[in-house]
Protein backbone atom coordinates (compact mmCIF):
# COMPACT_ATOMS: atom_id res chain seq x y z
CA MET A 1 25.87 -7.23 -5.81
CA PHE A 2 22.83 -5.14 -6.65
CA ASN A 3 20.57 -4.04 -3.66
CA ALA A 4 17.10 -3.14 -4.73
CA PRO A 5 15.59 0.07 -3.29
CA GLU A 6 13.50 -0.22 -0.13
CA TYR A 7 9.87 0.94 -0.34
CA ARG A 8 7.03 1.00 2.22
CA VAL A 9 3.58 0.29 1.20
CA TYR A 10 0.55 1.70 3.19
CA PHE A 11 -2.86 0.27 2.93
CA MET A 12 -5.82 2.22 4.43
CA SER A 13 -9.63 1.31 4.57
CA GLY A 14 -12.21 2.24 7.10
CA LEU A 15 -10.73 1.79 10.51
CA LEU A 16 -7.83 -0.54 9.26
CA ALA A 17 -4.31 0.74 8.31
CA LEU A 18 -1.36 -1.68 7.44
CA SER A 19 2.09 -1.34 6.20
CA ARG A 20 4.58 -3.45 4.48
CA ASP A 21 8.19 -3.01 3.54
CA ILE A 22 9.12 -4.30 -0.01
CA GLN A 23 12.26 -4.24 -2.24
CA CYS A 24 11.81 -3.51 -5.93
CA ALA A 25 14.12 -2.59 -8.76
CA ASP A 26 12.26 0.82 -9.51
CA ASP A 27 9.17 2.89 -8.81
CA GLN A 28 7.09 1.10 -11.37
CA ALA A 29 7.88 -2.28 -10.01
CA ALA A 30 7.01 -1.11 -6.45
CA ILE A 31 3.70 0.29 -7.75
CA GLU A 32 2.83 -2.99 -9.48
CA GLN A 33 3.78 -5.15 -6.45
CA ALA A 34 1.72 -2.78 -4.09
CA SER A 35 -1.27 -3.22 -6.44
CA ARG A 36 -0.94 -7.00 -6.22
CA LEU A 37 -0.61 -6.77 -2.32
CA PHE A 38 -3.59 -4.60 -1.76
CA PRO A 39 -5.87 -4.58 -4.87
CA GLU A 40 -8.58 -2.44 -2.90
CA GLY A 41 -8.62 0.38 -0.55
CA ILE A 42 -6.37 3.34 -0.43
CA VAL A 43 -2.61 2.39 -1.01
CA GLU A 44 0.36 4.65 -0.86
CA VAL A 45 3.95 3.70 -2.06
CA TRP A 46 6.79 5.55 -0.31
CA GLN A 47 10.53 5.47 -0.78
CA GLY A 48 12.04 7.09 2.33
CA ASN A 49 10.14 10.41 2.72
CA HIS A 50 9.31 10.52 -1.04
CA LEU A 51 5.67 9.72 -1.90
CA VAL A 52 5.73 7.57 -5.18
CA THR A 53 2.04 7.19 -5.66
CA ARG A 54 -1.36 7.14 -4.00
CA MET A 55 -3.80 4.86 -5.41
CA GLU A 56 -7.55 4.86 -4.42
CA ASN A 57 -8.54 1.43 -5.39
CA LEU A 58 -11.89 1.35 -3.65
CA PRO A 59 -14.29 -0.18 -2.26
CA ALA A 60 -12.37 -2.17 0.68
CA ILE A 61 -14.37 -1.08 3.73
CA VAL A 62 -13.58 -2.70 7.08
CA HIS A 63 -16.12 -2.40 9.90
CA SER A 64 -15.54 -2.91 13.53
CA SER A 65 -17.25 -5.97 15.19
CA THR A 66 -19.44 -3.44 16.90
CA ASP A 67 -20.85 -1.92 13.76
CA ARG A 68 -24.49 -2.75 13.61
CA ARG A 69 -26.01 -2.42 10.13
């Protein structure tokens, strides 16, 4: 049975940072899935300790509830 490689996707915007583990057939599939998961902000796709890509899909900005504009 084929085991798809594991990737970790990091999303960063303002004060918010999230990560999600995904399994994809290859790097390109992981990039496409990461783009669908996080269409805005800064997104990094990692496979182990190898950075696959960094995408700066701005403008997702997250402000704290104490931010007074």
